[in-house]
Amino acid sequence: MKSIMPKLLVAFAALFILSACEAEVGSKEWCDEIKQKDKGDVTASQAAGFAKHCVFGGAK
């Protein structure tokens, strides 16, 4: 059981660090990131968010 705890701690730390790297959906930085992506790399939810916040609603 003790060998699992350090692995879980590392996994949670990595998840926390990586989640903090993304810009908030609808922010100017996020809109710029989506604009620079290839069209094939943008998910349906990202495309919907881009249309809602960056095209029609204006970036934060």
PDB file of N, CA and C in Angstrom:
ATOM      1  N   MET A   1       0.809  -1.193   0.000  1.00  0.00           N
ATOM      2  CA  MET A   1       0.000   0.000   0.000  1.00  0.00           C
ATOM      3  C   MET A   1       0.855   1.261   0.000  1.00  0.00           C
ATOM      4  N   LYS A   2       2.013   1.200   0.668  1.00  0.00           N
ATOM      5  CA  LYS A   2       2.871   2.378   0.735  1.00  0.00           C
ATOM      6  C   LYS A   2       3.439   2.743  -0.626  1.00  0.00           C
ATOM      7  N   SER A   3       3.641   1.785  -1.516  1.00  0.00           N
ATOM      8  CA  SER A   3       4.214   2.094  -2.821  1.00  0.00           C
ATOM      9  C   SER A   3       3.211   2.776  -3.743  1.00  0.00           C
ATOM     10  N   ILE A   4       1.936   2.683  -3.443  1.00  0.00           N
ATOM     11  CA  ILE A   4       0.901   3.312  -4.259  1.00  0.00           C
ATOM     12  C   ILE A   4       0.782   4.801  -3.946  1.00  0.00           C
ATOM     13  N   MET A   5       0.960   5.173  -2.700  1.00  0.00           N
ATOM     14  CA  MET A   5       0.787   6.561  -2.287  1.00  0.00           C
ATOM     15  C   MET A   5       1.703   7.543  -3.018  1.00  0.00           C
ATOM     16  N   PRO A   6       2.992   7.281  -3.152  1.00  0.00           N
ATOM     17  CA  PRO A   6       3.834   8.236  -3.890  1.00  0.00           C
ATOM     18  C   PRO A   6       3.416   8.371  -5.355  1.00  0.00           C
ATOM     19  N   LYS A   7       2.975   7.278  -5.946  1.00  0.00           N
ATOM     20  CA  LYS A   7       2.528   7.325  -7.344  1.00  0.00           C
ATOM     21  C   LYS A   7       1.266   8.166  -7.479  1.00  0.00           C
ATOM     22  N   LEU A   8       0.340   8.006  -6.538  1.00  0.00           N
ATOM     23  CA  LEU A   8      -0.875   8.814  -6.565  1.00  0.00           C
ATOM     24  C   LEU A   8      -0.563  10.287  -6.348  1.00  0.00           C
ATOM     25  N   LEU A   9       0.352  10.564  -5.444  1.00  0.00           N
ATOM     26  CA  LEU A   9       0.739  11.946  -5.176  1.00  0.00           C
ATOM     27  C   LEU A   9       1.336  12.596  -6.423  1.00  0.00           C
ATOM     28  N   VAL A  10       2.196  11.884  -7.112  1.00  0.00           N
ATOM     29  CA  VAL A  10       2.803  12.396  -8.343  1.00  0.00           C
ATOM     30  C   VAL A  10       1.731  12.605  -9.412  1.00  0.00           C
ATOM     31  N   ALA A  11       0.804  11.677  -9.540  1.00  0.00           N
ATOM     32  CA  ALA A  11      -0.263  11.797 -10.540  1.00  0.00           C
ATOM     33  C   ALA A  11      -1.141  13.024 -10.261  1.00  0.00           C
ATOM     34  N   PHE A  12      -1.522  13.220  -9.003  1.00  0.00           N
ATOM     35  CA  PHE A  12      -2.341  14.387  -8.665  1.00  0.00           C
ATOM     36  C   PHE A  12      -1.569  15.694  -8.858  1.00  0.00           C
ATOM     37  N   ALA A  13      -0.311  15.707  -8.535  1.00  0.00           N
ATOM     38  CA  ALA A  13       0.498  16.911  -8.732  1.00  0.00           C
ATOM     39  C   ALA A  13       0.609  17.247 -10.213  1.00  0.00           C
ATOM     40  N   ALA A  14       0.830  16.237 -11.043  1.00  0.00           N
ATOM     41  CA  ALA A  14       0.921  16.461 -12.487  1.00  0.00           C
ATOM     42  C   ALA A  14      -0.408  16.974 -13.039  1.00  0.00           C
ATOM     43  N   LEU A  15      -1.498  16.404 -12.581  1.00  0.00           N
ATOM     44  CA  LEU A  15      -2.817  16.851 -13.029  1.00  0.00           C
ATOM     45  C   LEU A  15      -3.063  18.302 -12.630  1.00  0.00           C
ATOM     46  N   PHE A  16      -2.707  18.656 -11.419  1.00  0.00           N
ATOM     47  CA  PHE A  16      -2.886  20.026 -10.943  1.00  0.00           C
ATOM     48  C   PHE A  16      -2.060  21.007 -11.757  1.00  0.00           C
ATOM     49  N   ILE A  17      -0.816  20.661 -12.020  1.00  0.00           N
ATOM     50  CA  ILE A  17       0.080  21.544 -12.771  1.00  0.00           C
ATOM     51  C   ILE A  17      -0.399  21.708 -14.207  1.00  0.00           C
ATOM     52  N   LEU A  18      -0.790  20.624 -14.839  1.00  0.00           N
ATOM     53  CA  LEU A  18      -1.218  20.695 -16.237  1.00  0.00           C
ATOM     54  C   LEU A  18      -2.544  21.417 -16.400  1.00  0.00           C
ATOM     55  N   SER A  19      -3.437  21.294 -15.449  1.00  0.00           N
ATOM     56  CA  SER A  19      -4.728  21.964 -15.564  1.00  0.00           C
ATOM     57  C   SER A  19      -4.593  23.472 -15.384  1.00  0.00           C
ATOM     58  N   ALA A  20      -3.571  23.913 -14.701  1.00  0.00           N
ATOM     59  CA  ALA A  20      -3.362  25.344 -14.485  1.00  0.00           C
ATOM     60  C   ALA A  20      -2.767  26.026 -15.720  1.00  0.00           C
ATOM     61  N   CYS A  21      -2.318  25.263 -16.694  1.00  0.00           N
ATOM     62  CA  CYS A  21      -1.664  25.821 -17.868  1.00  0.00           C
ATOM     63  C   CYS A  21      -2.641  26.293 -18.932  1.00  0.00           C
ATOM     64  N   GLU A  22      -3.865  25.839 -18.870  1.00  0.00           N
ATOM     65  CA  GLU A  22      -4.830  26.192 -19.898  1.00  0.00           C
ATOM     66  C   GLU A  22      -5.480  27.537 -19.596  1.00  0.00           C
ATOM     67  N   ALA A  23      -5.689  28.310 -20.654  1.00  0.00           N
ATOM     68  CA  ALA A  23      -6.359  29.593 -20.498  1.00  0.00           C
ATOM     69  C   ALA A  23      -7.857  29.352 -20.308  1.00  0.00           C
ATOM     70  N   GLU A  24      -8.522  30.280 -19.660  1.00  0.00           N
ATOM     71  CA  GLU A  24      -9.957  30.176 -19.421  1.00  0.00           C
ATOM     72  C   GLU A  24     -10.712  30.289 -20.738  1.00  0.00           C
ATOM     73  N   VAL A  25     -11.705  29.423 -20.913  1.00  0.00           N
ATOM     74  CA  VAL A  25     -12.513  29.448 -22.138  1.00  0.00           C
ATOM     75  C   VAL A  25     -13.154  30.816 -22.282  1.00  0.00           C
ATOM     76  N   GLY A  26     -12.995  31.408 -23.442  1.00  0.00           N
ATOM     77  CA  GLY A  26     -13.572  32.716 -23.715  1.00  0.00           C
ATOM     78  C   GLY A  26     -12.616  33.874 -23.489  1.00  0.00           C
ATOM     79  N   SER A  27     -11.470  33.612 -22.862  1.00  0.00           N
ATOM     80  CA  SER A  27     -10.499  34.691 -22.649  1.00  0.00           C
ATOM     81  C   SER A  27      -9.788  35.000 -23.962  1.00  0.00           C
ATOM     82  N   LYS A  28      -9.189  36.162 -24.045  1.00  0.00           N
ATOM     83  CA  LYS A  28      -8.474  36.555 -25.260  1.00  0.00           C
ATOM     84  C   LYS A  28      -7.365  35.558 -25.577  1.00  0.00           C
ATOM     85  N   GLU A  29      -6.652  35.094 -24.553  1.00  0.00           N
ATOM     86  CA  GLU A  29      -5.573  34.128 -24.754  1.00  0.00           C
ATOM     87  C   GLU A  29      -6.113  32.817 -25.328  1.00  0.00           C
ATOM     88  N   TRP A  30      -7.248  32.364 -24.802  1.00  0.00           N
ATOM     89  CA  TRP A  30      -7.852  31.123 -25.274  1.00  0.00           C
ATOM     90  C   TRP A  30      -8.288  31.273 -26.731  1.00  0.00           C
ATOM     91  N   CYS A  31      -8.918  32.390 -27.058  1.00  0.00           N
ATOM     92  CA  CYS A  31      -9.348  32.633 -28.434  1.00  0.00           C
ATOM     93  C   CYS A  31      -8.147  32.623 -29.377  1.00  0.00           C
ATOM     94  N   ASP A  32      -7.048  33.241 -28.959  1.00  0.00           N
ATOM     95  CA  ASP A  32      -5.836  33.255 -29.783  1.00  0.00           C
ATOM     96  C   ASP A  32      -5.270  31.851 -29.965  1.00  0.00           C
ATOM     97  N   GLU A  33      -5.307  31.031 -28.893  1.00  0.00           N
ATOM     98  CA  GLU A  33      -4.821  29.654 -28.994  1.00  0.00           C
ATOM     99  C   GLU A  33      -5.650  28.846 -29.989  1.00  0.00           C
ATOM    100  N   ILE A  34      -6.965  29.004 -29.946  1.00  0.00           N
ATOM    101  CA  ILE A  34      -7.837  28.259 -30.858  1.00  0.00           C
ATOM    102  C   ILE A  34      -7.621  28.731 -32.291  1.00  0.00           C
ATOM    103  N   LYS A  35      -7.427  30.018 -32.502  1.00  0.00           N
ATOM    104  CA  LYS A  35      -7.176  30.542 -33.847  1.00  0.00           C
ATOM    105  C   LYS A  35      -5.911  29.945 -34.453  1.00  0.00           C
ATOM    106  N   GLN A  36      -4.912  29.663 -33.630  1.00  0.00           N
ATOM    107  CA  GLN A  36      -3.640  29.146 -34.124  1.00  0.00           C
ATOM    108  C   GLN A  36      -3.660  27.639 -34.360  1.00  0.00           C
ATOM    109  N   LYS A  37      -4.640  26.924 -33.823  1.00  0.00           N
ATOM    110  CA  LYS A  37      -4.723  25.479 -33.995  1.00  0.00           C
ATOM    111  C   LYS A  37      -5.155  25.134 -35.420  1.00  0.00           C
ATOM    112  N   ASP A  38      -4.722  23.961 -35.890  1.00  0.00           N
ATOM    113  CA  ASP A  38      -5.240  23.445 -37.147  1.00  0.00           C
ATOM    114  C   ASP A  38      -6.711  23.101 -36.956  1.00  0.00           C
ATOM    115  N   LYS A  39      -7.513  23.254 -38.004  1.00  0.00           N
ATOM    116  CA  LYS A  39      -8.943  22.996 -37.886  1.00  0.00           C
ATOM    117  C   LYS A  39      -9.230  21.561 -37.452  1.00  0.00           C
ATOM    118  N   GLY A  40      -8.398  20.622 -37.843  1.00  0.00           N
ATOM    119  CA  GLY A  40      -8.598  19.230 -37.473  1.00  0.00           C
ATOM    120  C   GLY A  40      -8.296  18.942 -36.019  1.00  0.00           C
ATOM    121  N   ASP A  41      -7.593  19.846 -35.343  1.00  0.00           N
ATOM    122  CA  ASP A  41      -7.223  19.641 -33.943  1.00  0.00           C
ATOM    123  C   ASP A  41      -8.219  20.267 -32.965  1.00  0.00           C
ATOM    124  N   VAL A  42      -9.201  20.990 -33.467  1.00  0.00           N
ATOM    125  CA  VAL A  42     -10.180  21.658 -32.613  1.00  0.00           C
ATOM    126  C   VAL A  42     -11.361  20.711 -32.394  1.00  0.00           C
ATOM    127  N   THR A  43     -11.718  20.488 -31.122  1.00  0.00           N
ATOM    128  CA  THR A  43     -12.847  19.623 -30.807  1.00  0.00           C
ATOM    129  C   THR A  43     -14.162  20.365 -31.047  1.00  0.00           C
ATOM    130  N   ALA A  44     -15.250  19.612 -31.050  1.00  0.00           N
ATOM    131  CA  ALA A  44     -16.567  20.216 -31.252  1.00  0.00           C
ATOM    132  C   ALA A  44     -16.901  21.190 -30.130  1.00  0.00           C
ATOM    133  N   SER A  45     -16.557  20.844 -28.896  1.00  0.00           N
ATOM    134  CA  SER A  45     -16.856  21.748 -27.782  1.00  0.00           C
ATOM    135  C   SER A  45     -16.000  23.011 -27.844  1.00  0.00           C
ATOM    136  N   GLN A  46     -14.749  22.874 -28.299  1.00  0.00           N
ATOM    137  CA  GLN A  46     -13.899  24.059 -28.464  1.00  0.00           C
ATOM    138  C   GLN A  46     -14.445  24.954 -29.577  1.00  0.00           C
ATOM    139  N   ALA A  47     -14.915  24.354 -30.667  1.00  0.00           N
ATOM    140  CA  ALA A  47     -15.485  25.134 -31.766  1.00  0.00           C
ATOM    141  C   ALA A  47     -16.734  25.880 -31.321  1.00  0.00           C
ATOM    142  N   ALA A  48     -17.576  25.207 -30.525  1.00  0.00           N
ATOM    143  CA  ALA A  48     -18.781  25.860 -30.013  1.00  0.00           C
ATOM    144  C   ALA A  48     -18.416  27.004 -29.072  1.00  0.00           C
ATOM    145  N   GLY A  49     -17.445  26.779 -28.196  1.00  0.00           N
ATOM    146  CA  GLY A  49     -16.999  27.830 -27.288  1.00  0.00           C
ATOM    147  C   GLY A  49     -16.373  28.992 -28.030  1.00  0.00           C
ATOM    148  N   PHE A  50     -15.617  28.683 -29.085  1.00  0.00           N
ATOM    149  CA  PHE A  50     -15.003  29.733 -29.896  1.00  0.00           C
ATOM    150  C   PHE A  50     -16.075  30.596 -30.549  1.00  0.00           C
ATOM    151  N   ALA A  51     -17.083  29.947 -31.139  1.00  0.00           N
ATOM    152  CA  ALA A  51     -18.162  30.702 -31.781  1.00  0.00           C
ATOM    153  C   ALA A  51     -18.909  31.560 -30.765  1.00  0.00           C
ATOM    154  N   LYS A  52     -19.185  30.980 -29.606  1.00  0.00           N
ATOM    155  CA  LYS A  52     -19.957  31.693 -28.583  1.00  0.00           C
ATOM    156  C   LYS A  52     -19.193  32.881 -28.008  1.00  0.00           C
ATOM    157  N   HIS A  53     -17.932  32.664 -27.650  1.00  0.00           N
ATOM    158  CA  HIS A  53     -17.177  33.693 -26.927  1.00  0.00           C
ATOM    159  C   HIS A  53     -16.327  34.597 -27.817  1.00  0.00           C
ATOM    160  N   CYS A  54     -15.754  34.035 -28.871  1.00  0.00           N
ATOM    161  CA  CYS A  54     -14.778  34.788 -29.655  1.00  0.00           C
ATOM    162  C   CYS A  54     -15.390  35.433 -30.893  1.00  0.00           C
ATOM    163  N   VAL A  55     -16.413  34.813 -31.454  1.00  0.00           N
ATOM    164  CA  VAL A  55     -17.033  35.361 -32.668  1.00  0.00           C
ATOM    165  C   VAL A  55     -18.219  36.231 -32.319  1.00  0.00           C
ATOM    166  N   PHE A  56     -19.158  35.678 -31.553  1.00  0.00           N
ATOM    167  CA  PHE A  56     -20.404  36.406 -31.279  1.00  0.00           C
ATOM    168  C   PHE A  56     -20.379  37.211 -29.992  1.00  0.00           C
ATOM    169  N   GLY A  57     -19.740  36.705 -28.943  1.00  0.00           N
ATOM    170  CA  GLY A  57     -19.819  37.365 -27.637  1.00  0.00           C
ATOM    171  C   GLY A  57     -18.675  38.295 -27.314  1.00  0.00           C
ATOM    172  N   GLY A  58     -17.585  38.194 -28.057  1.00  0.00           N
ATOM    173  CA  GLY A  58     -16.419  38.990 -27.728  1.00  0.00           C
ATOM    174  C   GLY A  58     -15.612  38.347 -26.620  1.00  0.00           C
ATOM    175  N   ALA A  59     -14.311  38.409 -26.732  1.00  0.00           N
ATOM    176  CA  ALA A  59     -13.424  37.797 -25.734  1.00  0.00           C
ATOM    177  C   ALA A  59     -13.453  38.603 -24.450  1.00  0.00           C
ATOM    178  N   LYS A  60     -13.208  37.919 -23.329  1.00  0.00           N
ATOM    179  CA  LYS A  60     -13.201  38.579 -21.999  1.00  0.00           C
ATOM    180  C   LYS A  60     -11.992  39.472 -21.873  1.00  0.00           C
TER     181      LYS A  60
END
